[in-house]
């Protein structure tokens, strides 16, 4: 590959060739054929050339004529005043804080700072919305599944390894696809047979000999009877059917081994793992715990999960009360919408305090930004039906009205104050039977 470099012509030989070196340096250097220079050149000229670099040296393959230098533009000379002045000057100014005190607008300044504090508080509350550290997700090992694979016959190990690699759900989906394919093939065959029978029926009805007794076919004794397919295997079965047949046999054992890996990982991180993952392991124990040892593990996990949920629920109630006592009402509302233990209501005293704080925050003098923040927290809290604003803005802006319309289905009584009809949420498309639900 060639590249361009800058060279300087150092001498010219009698045969017309030139010697050169890198511009401004001693190395590299070499020779240059005079045929490549089609313009007037002299020793000391700096040229741009295209060169190829080889193991035994540098070969110049093209020389470009030097561009003429542009003349410098005309400039103006600044003469100055001619007076001798210091190069650096210093000027002292009075303190800004003192100047503010001299003015008679102390009350206005305090109001301005108060508005700024309120905006800062809104931003801080929005930042604190998700300030809790995220719980760790369940990452089980594969010890039990690997042990099961090693105990299988050699011809079944590839199937089990694919099940472990792609997941048991992929095998279950493949089985569902196979059943659907078989149903579709049977329906297509039945439909084709019905369509083929229609022309024959119409032809027989139009024939004058339709009423005659049909002749019975003479059996062909020389013909060989067709081989009937076996009931256990389809005639067009292939390697994929064999794979699924083996997978069906291995499915219960692989599911049990997977659950054992998950329950051991759940017990090891019972205090740090996400509650959703722990609950999923407990639910899966109904099909995964097949022996007494597995049932004991499931009972141990269920007990420890209950203890953790009770402990976190007590901490959650204390945090909601403490946050509300600190005046962080929006944060308290958002905390109240995420209880560790589902279905357990808030104590009545906390419900009353949250309701009163939200009522006092939603007034006709509250800015639209603050209205949106508080209303969004109320809409997903347990007190969304008990909050009654003390007033609404006289002229709400479009942003506030859009938020009211968005949350109108959850807070219909607040939406009615703005003259907004509750908007039902969009309907989700119905899932077909046999289609797995999307993972959340």
Foldseek 3Di string as FASTA:
>chain_A
DKDKAKWFWADADPVQKTKIAGVPDRDDIDIGHNVQDPDDDDGGDIWMFIWDQDPVGIYTDHTDDDDDDDDDDDDDDDPPPPDDDDPDDDDDDDDPVVVVVVDPCPVVVVVVVVVVVVVVLLVVLVVVLPPDDDFDAFDFDQVLLVVVLVPDDPVLNVLSVCCVVVHVVVLVLVVLVVVVVVVVVVVVVVVVVVVVVVVVVVVLVPDPCSPPDDDDDDDDPVDDDDDDDDPVDDPPDDVVVVSSVSCVVCSLVSLLSVLVRRLVSCVVPVPGHDLVSLVVSLVSLVSNVDDPVSVVSSVVSVVSSVVNLVVQQVVLLVVLVVCVVVVSLLSSLSSQLDRSDPPDHHDPVSLVSSQVSLQVQAAQPHDLVSVLSSLVSLLRHPNLAVHDHPYHHPDHDPVSLVSCQVSCQSNVVVNVRVVHHHDDDDDDDDDDPPDDDDDD
